[in-house]
């Protein structure tokens, strides 16, 4: 093979590899940016949901029977559905414990559940490097 043909062939192969590499790299960067923004959006939604849940005057007293969570239970909130899969096993077990007939005031169980969620949100923010 002539020197020119080898040079042209290596330029062609190098250009193709370089072009594919830059497309792949830009795709990875865009994917990471999208994932970070998606996680930040979820974090805002979860924090706003928790804040609204804590401030809800309609649920001062929670009353529910065995395995029948009431509508004011934290696990029944719409925003909780997207947070559920990110919780640690320990937090999920505490929040989704089997229910029995209870009547508690807002300051007892609600604050414990809110603290659990708050700790989990803080943990996820550190894990996802959002702060």
N, C-alpha and C. Protein backbone atom coordinates (compact mmCIF):
# COMPACT_ATOMS: atom_id res chain seq x y z
N UNK A 1 0.84 -1.18 0.00
CA UNK A 1 0.00 0.00 0.00
C UNK A 1 0.88 1.24 0.00
N UNK A 2 0.34 2.22 -0.65
CA UNK A 2 1.11 3.44 -0.72
C UNK A 2 0.94 4.25 0.56
N UNK A 3 1.86 5.10 0.78
CA UNK A 3 1.87 5.95 1.97
C UNK A 3 0.61 6.83 2.04
N UNK A 4 0.17 7.36 0.89
CA UNK A 4 -1.01 8.22 0.84
C UNK A 4 -2.27 7.44 1.21
N UNK A 5 -2.37 6.20 0.72
CA UNK A 5 -3.54 5.37 1.01
C UNK A 5 -3.60 5.03 2.50
N UNK A 6 -2.49 4.73 3.10
CA UNK A 6 -2.44 4.43 4.53
C UNK A 6 -2.82 5.67 5.33
N UNK A 7 -2.32 6.80 4.94
CA UNK A 7 -2.64 8.06 5.63
C UNK A 7 -4.13 8.37 5.52
N UNK A 8 -4.69 8.21 4.32
CA UNK A 8 -6.11 8.47 4.10
C UNK A 8 -6.97 7.49 4.89
N UNK A 9 -6.59 6.23 4.88
CA UNK A 9 -7.35 5.21 5.61
C UNK A 9 -7.29 5.46 7.12
N UNK A 10 -6.14 5.80 7.65
CA UNK A 10 -6.03 6.07 9.09
C UNK A 10 -6.79 7.35 9.47
N UNK A 11 -6.80 8.34 8.59
CA UNK A 11 -7.57 9.56 8.85
C UNK A 11 -9.07 9.25 8.85
N UNK A 12 -9.50 8.40 7.92
CA UNK A 12 -10.91 8.02 7.84
C UNK A 12 -11.34 7.26 9.10
N UNK A 13 -10.56 6.29 9.49
CA UNK A 13 -10.87 5.49 10.69
C UNK A 13 -10.80 6.36 11.93
N UNK A 14 -9.78 7.17 12.05
CA UNK A 14 -9.64 8.06 13.21
C UNK A 14 -10.77 9.06 13.30
N UNK A 15 -11.16 9.62 12.17
CA UNK A 15 -12.27 10.57 12.16
C UNK A 15 -13.58 9.92 12.56
N UNK A 16 -13.80 8.70 12.07
CA UNK A 16 -15.03 7.98 12.43
C UNK A 16 -15.08 7.65 13.91
N UNK A 17 -13.98 7.17 14.44
CA UNK A 17 -13.92 6.84 15.87
C UNK A 17 -14.08 8.11 16.70
N UNK A 18 -13.40 9.16 16.29
CA UNK A 18 -13.50 10.43 17.02
C UNK A 18 -14.90 10.99 16.98
N UNK A 19 -15.54 10.93 15.81
CA UNK A 19 -16.91 11.42 15.68
C UNK A 19 -17.88 10.64 16.54
N UNK A 20 -17.76 9.32 16.51
CA UNK A 20 -18.64 8.48 17.34
C UNK A 20 -18.37 8.73 18.82
N UNK A 21 -17.11 8.90 19.16
CA UNK A 21 -16.76 9.16 20.56
C UNK A 21 -17.34 10.47 21.06
N UNK A 22 -17.30 11.50 20.22
CA UNK A 22 -17.84 12.80 20.66
C UNK A 22 -19.36 12.74 20.78
N UNK A 23 -20.02 12.01 19.88
CA UNK A 23 -21.48 11.84 19.99
C UNK A 23 -21.82 11.09 21.27
N UNK A 24 -21.09 10.04 21.54
CA UNK A 24 -21.34 9.25 22.75
C UNK A 24 -21.11 10.09 24.00
N UNK A 25 -20.01 10.85 24.01
CA UNK A 25 -19.68 11.67 25.17
C UNK A 25 -20.72 12.76 25.39
N UNK A 26 -21.14 13.43 24.33
CA UNK A 26 -22.14 14.49 24.50
C UNK A 26 -23.47 13.90 24.96
N UNK A 27 -23.79 12.69 24.51
CA UNK A 27 -25.00 12.00 24.99
C UNK A 27 -24.92 11.68 26.47
N UNK A 28 -23.78 11.24 26.93
CA UNK A 28 -23.58 10.94 28.35
C UNK A 28 -23.70 12.20 29.19
N UNK A 29 -23.13 13.29 28.72
CA UNK A 29 -23.19 14.56 29.46
C UNK A 29 -24.62 15.04 29.54
N UNK A 30 -25.36 14.97 28.43
CA UNK A 30 -26.76 15.39 28.42
C UNK A 30 -27.60 14.50 29.33
N UNK A 31 -27.31 13.19 29.34
CA UNK A 31 -28.04 12.26 30.20
C UNK A 31 -27.81 12.58 31.66
N UNK A 32 -26.58 12.87 32.03
CA UNK A 32 -26.28 13.22 33.42
C UNK A 32 -26.95 14.52 33.84
N UNK A 33 -26.95 15.49 32.94
CA UNK A 33 -27.60 16.77 33.25
C UNK A 33 -29.10 16.57 33.42
N UNK A 34 -29.70 15.77 32.55
CA UNK A 34 -31.14 15.49 32.66
C UNK A 34 -31.45 14.77 33.98
N UNK A 35 -30.65 13.77 34.32
CA UNK A 35 -30.87 13.01 35.55
C UNK A 35 -30.73 13.90 36.78
N UNK A 36 -29.74 14.76 36.79
CA UNK A 36 -29.55 15.68 37.92
C UNK A 36 -30.74 16.62 38.05
N UNK A 37 -31.20 17.18 36.93
CA UNK A 37 -32.35 18.08 36.97
C UNK A 37 -33.61 17.34 37.41
N UNK A 38 -33.78 16.12 36.93
CA UNK A 38 -34.94 15.31 37.31
C UNK A 38 -34.93 15.04 38.82
N UNK A 39 -33.77 14.71 39.35
CA UNK A 39 -33.66 14.46 40.78
C UNK A 39 -33.92 15.73 41.58
N UNK A 40 -33.41 16.86 41.12
CA UNK A 40 -33.64 18.14 41.80
C UNK A 40 -35.13 18.48 41.78
N UNK A 41 -35.79 18.24 40.65
CA UNK A 41 -37.24 18.50 40.56
C UNK A 41 -38.02 17.61 41.53
N UNK A 42 -37.65 16.33 41.60
CA UNK A 42 -38.30 15.43 42.56
C UNK A 42 -38.09 15.91 43.99
N UNK A 43 -36.86 16.33 44.29
CA UNK A 43 -36.54 16.78 45.65
C UNK A 43 -37.43 17.96 46.02
N UNK A 44 -37.62 18.91 45.11
CA UNK A 44 -38.50 20.06 45.37
C UNK A 44 -39.93 19.59 45.61
N UNK A 45 -40.39 18.66 44.79
CA UNK A 45 -41.75 18.13 44.93
C UNK A 45 -41.93 17.45 46.29
N UNK A 46 -40.96 16.64 46.68
CA UNK A 46 -41.07 15.90 47.94
C UNK A 46 -41.02 16.85 49.14
N UNK A 47 -40.14 17.82 49.10
CA UNK A 47 -40.06 18.78 50.21
C UNK A 47 -41.33 19.61 50.31
N UNK A 48 -41.87 20.04 49.18
CA UNK A 48 -43.13 20.79 49.19
C UNK A 48 -44.27 19.92 49.70
N UNK A 49 -44.31 18.67 49.29
CA UNK A 49 -45.34 17.74 49.75
C UNK A 49 -45.27 17.51 51.25
N UNK A 50 -44.06 17.32 51.75
CA UNK A 50 -43.87 17.12 53.19
C UNK A 50 -44.32 18.36 53.97
N UNK A 51 -43.94 19.53 53.48
CA UNK A 51 -44.31 20.78 54.14
C UNK A 51 -45.84 20.95 54.15
N UNK A 52 -46.48 20.67 53.03
CA UNK A 52 -47.94 20.79 52.96
C UNK A 52 -48.61 19.76 53.87
N UNK A 53 -48.06 18.57 53.92
CA UNK A 53 -48.63 17.52 54.77
C UNK A 53 -48.54 17.90 56.24
N UNK A 54 -47.40 18.46 56.63
CA UNK A 54 -47.23 18.87 58.03
C UNK A 54 -48.16 20.03 58.39
N UNK A 55 -48.44 20.89 57.44
CA UNK A 55 -49.25 22.08 57.73
C UNK A 55 -50.76 21.84 57.58
N UNK A 56 -51.16 20.67 57.15
CA UNK A 56 -52.57 20.38 56.88
C UNK A 56 -53.39 20.40 58.17
N UNK A 57 -54.31 21.38 58.33
CA UNK A 57 -55.11 21.46 59.56
C UNK A 57 -56.20 20.40 59.63
N UNK A 58 -56.51 19.76 58.51
CA UNK A 58 -57.57 18.74 58.47
C UNK A 58 -57.15 17.43 59.13
N UNK A 59 -55.88 17.25 59.34
CA UNK A 59 -55.43 15.96 59.85
C UNK A 59 -54.77 16.10 61.22
N UNK A 60 -55.37 16.88 62.07
CA UNK A 60 -54.82 17.06 63.42
C UNK A 60 -54.78 15.74 64.18
N UNK A 61 -55.80 14.94 64.01
CA UNK A 61 -55.85 13.63 64.66
C UNK A 61 -55.98 12.56 63.58
N UNK A 62 -55.13 11.57 63.66
CA UNK A 62 -55.18 10.46 62.72
C UNK A 62 -55.89 9.29 63.38
N UNK A 63 -56.90 8.78 62.72
CA UNK A 63 -57.62 7.61 63.23
C UNK A 63 -57.68 6.60 62.10
N UNK A 64 -57.20 5.41 62.34
CA UNK A 64 -57.30 4.38 61.32
C UNK A 64 -57.29 3.01 61.97
N UNK A 65 -57.78 2.02 61.21
CA UNK A 65 -57.88 0.65 61.71
C UNK A 65 -56.79 -0.21 61.07
N UNK A 66 -56.70 -1.45 61.51
CA UNK A 66 -55.66 -2.36 61.04
C UNK A 66 -55.62 -2.43 59.52
N UNK A 67 -54.45 -2.25 58.96
CA UNK A 67 -54.18 -2.35 57.53
C UNK A 67 -55.08 -1.46 56.67
N UNK A 68 -55.55 -0.38 57.22
CA UNK A 68 -56.41 0.54 56.49
C UNK A 68 -55.93 1.97 56.73
N UNK A 69 -54.87 2.38 56.03
CA UNK A 69 -54.35 3.73 56.26
C UNK A 69 -55.37 4.79 55.84
N UNK A 70 -55.48 5.80 56.63
CA UNK A 70 -56.40 6.88 56.32
C UNK A 70 -55.84 7.78 55.23
N UNK A 71 -56.66 8.65 54.67
CA UNK A 71 -56.21 9.51 53.58
C UNK A 71 -55.15 10.52 54.00
N UNK A 72 -55.03 10.78 55.28
CA UNK A 72 -54.03 11.74 55.76
C UNK A 72 -52.70 11.08 56.12
N UNK A 73 -52.62 9.77 55.98
CA UNK A 73 -51.39 9.04 56.25
C UNK A 73 -50.33 9.46 55.23
N UNK A 74 -49.10 9.60 55.66
CA UNK A 74 -48.04 10.07 54.76
C UNK A 74 -47.85 9.14 53.58
N UNK A 75 -48.04 7.84 53.79
CA UNK A 75 -47.85 6.89 52.69
C UNK A 75 -48.96 6.97 51.65
N UNK A 76 -50.01 7.72 51.92
CA UNK A 76 -51.12 7.87 50.97
C UNK A 76 -51.02 9.16 50.16
N UNK A 77 -49.98 9.95 50.38
CA UNK A 77 -49.81 11.20 49.65
C UNK A 77 -49.27 10.90 48.24
N UNK A 78 -49.71 11.67 47.26
CA UNK A 78 -49.29 11.45 45.87
C UNK A 78 -47.78 11.54 45.71
N UNK A 79 -47.16 12.51 46.35
CA UNK A 79 -45.71 12.69 46.19
C UNK A 79 -44.93 11.55 46.80
N UNK A 80 -45.53 10.84 47.79
CA UNK A 80 -44.84 9.73 48.44
C UNK A 80 -44.61 8.57 47.46
N UNK A 81 -45.51 8.41 46.51
CA UNK A 81 -45.40 7.30 45.56
C UNK A 81 -44.08 7.36 44.78
N UNK A 82 -43.64 8.55 44.40
CA UNK A 82 -42.38 8.65 43.66
C UNK A 82 -41.16 8.60 44.59
N UNK A 83 -41.34 8.90 45.85
CA UNK A 83 -40.24 8.86 46.82
C UNK A 83 -40.00 7.45 47.34
N UNK A 84 -41.05 6.65 47.42
CA UNK A 84 -41.02 5.32 48.03
C UNK A 84 -39.82 4.48 47.61
N UNK A 85 -39.55 4.39 46.32
CA UNK A 85 -38.47 3.50 45.85
C UNK A 85 -37.07 3.99 46.22
N UNK A 86 -36.95 5.24 46.63
CA UNK A 86 -35.64 5.78 46.98
C UNK A 86 -35.35 5.69 48.48
N UNK A 87 -36.33 5.30 49.28
CA UNK A 87 -36.16 5.25 50.73
C UNK A 87 -35.28 4.07 51.12
N UNK A 88 -34.58 4.23 52.22
CA UNK A 88 -33.81 3.11 52.76
C UNK A 88 -34.80 2.07 53.30
N UNK A 89 -34.35 0.84 53.43
CA UNK A 89 -35.21 -0.23 53.96
C UNK A 89 -35.71 0.11 55.35
N UNK A 90 -34.83 0.70 56.16
CA UNK A 90 -35.20 1.05 57.53
C UNK A 90 -36.31 2.11 57.55
N UNK A 91 -36.17 3.14 56.74
CA UNK A 91 -37.19 4.19 56.70
C UNK A 91 -38.51 3.65 56.16
N UNK A 92 -38.44 2.84 55.11
CA UNK A 92 -39.65 2.27 54.53
C UNK A 92 -40.37 1.40 55.55
N UNK A 93 -39.63 0.61 56.31
CA UNK A 93 -40.24 -0.25 57.32
C UNK A 93 -40.92 0.59 58.41
N UNK A 94 -40.30 1.69 58.80
CA UNK A 94 -40.88 2.54 59.83
C UNK A 94 -42.15 3.23 59.33
N UNK A 95 -42.10 3.73 58.11
CA UNK A 95 -43.24 4.48 57.58
C UNK A 95 -44.40 3.58 57.16
N UNK A 96 -44.09 2.37 56.72
CA UNK A 96 -45.12 1.48 56.20
C UNK A 96 -45.40 0.32 57.14
N UNK A 97 -45.16 0.55 58.41
CA UNK A 97 -45.39 -0.50 59.40
C UNK A 97 -46.86 -0.89 59.41
N UNK A 98 -47.15 -2.14 59.76
CA UNK A 98 -48.55 -2.55 59.84
C UNK A 98 -49.30 -1.66 60.82
N UNK A 99 -50.47 -1.28 60.43
CA UNK A 99 -51.27 -0.36 61.25
C UNK A 99 -52.19 -1.14 62.18
N UNK A 100 -52.45 -0.55 63.31
CA UNK A 100 -53.46 -1.07 64.23
C UNK A 100 -54.36 0.09 64.57
N UNK A 101 -55.42 -0.16 65.27
CA UNK A 101 -56.32 0.93 65.60
C UNK A 101 -55.61 1.89 66.54
N UNK A 102 -55.46 3.12 66.10
CA UNK A 102 -54.76 4.12 66.90
C UNK A 102 -55.45 5.46 66.77
N UNK A 103 -55.31 6.23 67.79
CA UNK A 103 -55.73 7.63 67.76
C UNK A 103 -54.57 8.40 68.36
N UNK A 104 -53.91 9.19 67.54
CA UNK A 104 -52.77 9.96 68.03
C UNK A 104 -52.93 11.40 67.59
N UNK A 105 -52.32 12.27 68.34
CA UNK A 105 -52.37 13.67 67.93
C UNK A 105 -51.27 13.92 66.91
N UNK A 106 -51.41 15.00 66.20
CA UNK A 106 -50.48 15.37 65.15
C UNK A 106 -49.03 15.39 65.65
N UNK A 107 -48.80 15.88 66.84
CA UNK A 107 -47.44 16.06 67.34
C UNK A 107 -46.74 14.77 67.70
N UNK A 108 -47.48 13.69 67.82
CA UNK A 108 -46.83 12.43 68.18
C UNK A 108 -46.30 11.70 66.95
N UNK A 109 -47.18 11.02 66.25
CA UNK A 109 -46.73 10.19 65.14
C UNK A 109 -46.36 11.04 63.92
N UNK A 110 -47.09 12.06 63.64
CA UNK A 110 -46.82 12.87 62.45
C UNK A 110 -45.41 13.45 62.49
N UNK A 111 -45.00 13.93 63.65
CA UNK A 111 -43.66 14.51 63.70
C UNK A 111 -42.59 13.44 63.52
N UNK A 112 -42.83 12.23 64.02
CA UNK A 112 -41.86 11.14 63.85
C UNK A 112 -41.76 10.77 62.37
N UNK A 113 -42.90 10.66 61.68
CA UNK A 113 -42.88 10.33 60.26
C UNK A 113 -42.24 11.46 59.45
N UNK A 114 -42.54 12.69 59.79
CA UNK A 114 -41.96 13.83 59.09
C UNK A 114 -40.44 13.86 59.29
N UNK A 115 -39.97 13.56 60.49
CA UNK A 115 -38.53 13.53 60.74
C UNK A 115 -37.86 12.42 59.93
N UNK A 116 -38.53 11.28 59.82
CA UNK A 116 -37.99 10.17 59.02
C UNK A 116 -37.86 10.58 57.56
N UNK A 117 -38.92 11.18 57.02
CA UNK A 117 -38.88 11.64 55.63
C UNK A 117 -37.79 12.71 55.45
N UNK A 118 -37.71 13.64 56.38
CA UNK A 118 -36.70 14.70 56.29
C UNK A 118 -35.29 14.13 56.27
N UNK A 119 -35.02 13.16 57.14
CA UNK A 119 -33.70 12.51 57.16
C UNK A 119 -33.41 11.82 55.82
N UNK A 120 -34.43 11.16 55.26
CA UNK A 120 -34.25 10.48 53.99
C UNK A 120 -34.01 11.47 52.85
N UNK A 121 -34.71 12.58 52.85
CA UNK A 121 -34.49 13.59 51.82
C UNK A 121 -33.08 14.17 51.92
N UNK A 122 -32.63 14.41 53.14
CA UNK A 122 -31.26 14.90 53.35
C UNK A 122 -30.24 13.88 52.85
N UNK A 123 -30.49 12.59 53.15
CA UNK A 123 -29.59 11.52 52.72
C UNK A 123 -29.53 11.45 51.19
N UNK A 124 -30.69 11.52 50.54
CA UNK A 124 -30.74 11.47 49.09
C UNK A 124 -30.04 12.67 48.46
N UNK A 125 -30.20 13.84 49.04
CA UNK A 125 -29.51 15.04 48.52
C UNK A 125 -28.00 14.86 48.56
N UNK A 126 -27.49 14.29 49.65
CA UNK A 126 -26.05 14.03 49.74
C UNK A 126 -25.63 12.96 48.73
N UNK A 127 -26.39 11.90 48.66
CA UNK A 127 -26.06 10.79 47.74
C UNK A 127 -26.05 11.26 46.29
N UNK A 128 -27.04 12.07 45.91
CA UNK A 128 -27.15 12.56 44.55
C UNK A 128 -26.33 13.83 44.31
N UNK A 129 -25.64 14.31 45.35
CA UNK A 129 -24.80 15.51 45.26
C UNK A 129 -25.58 16.73 44.76
N UNK A 130 -26.76 16.91 45.32
CA UNK A 130 -27.59 18.05 44.95
C UNK A 130 -27.27 19.27 45.81
N UNK A 131 -26.59 19.08 46.93
CA UNK A 131 -26.20 20.20 47.79
C UNK A 131 -24.71 20.25 47.91
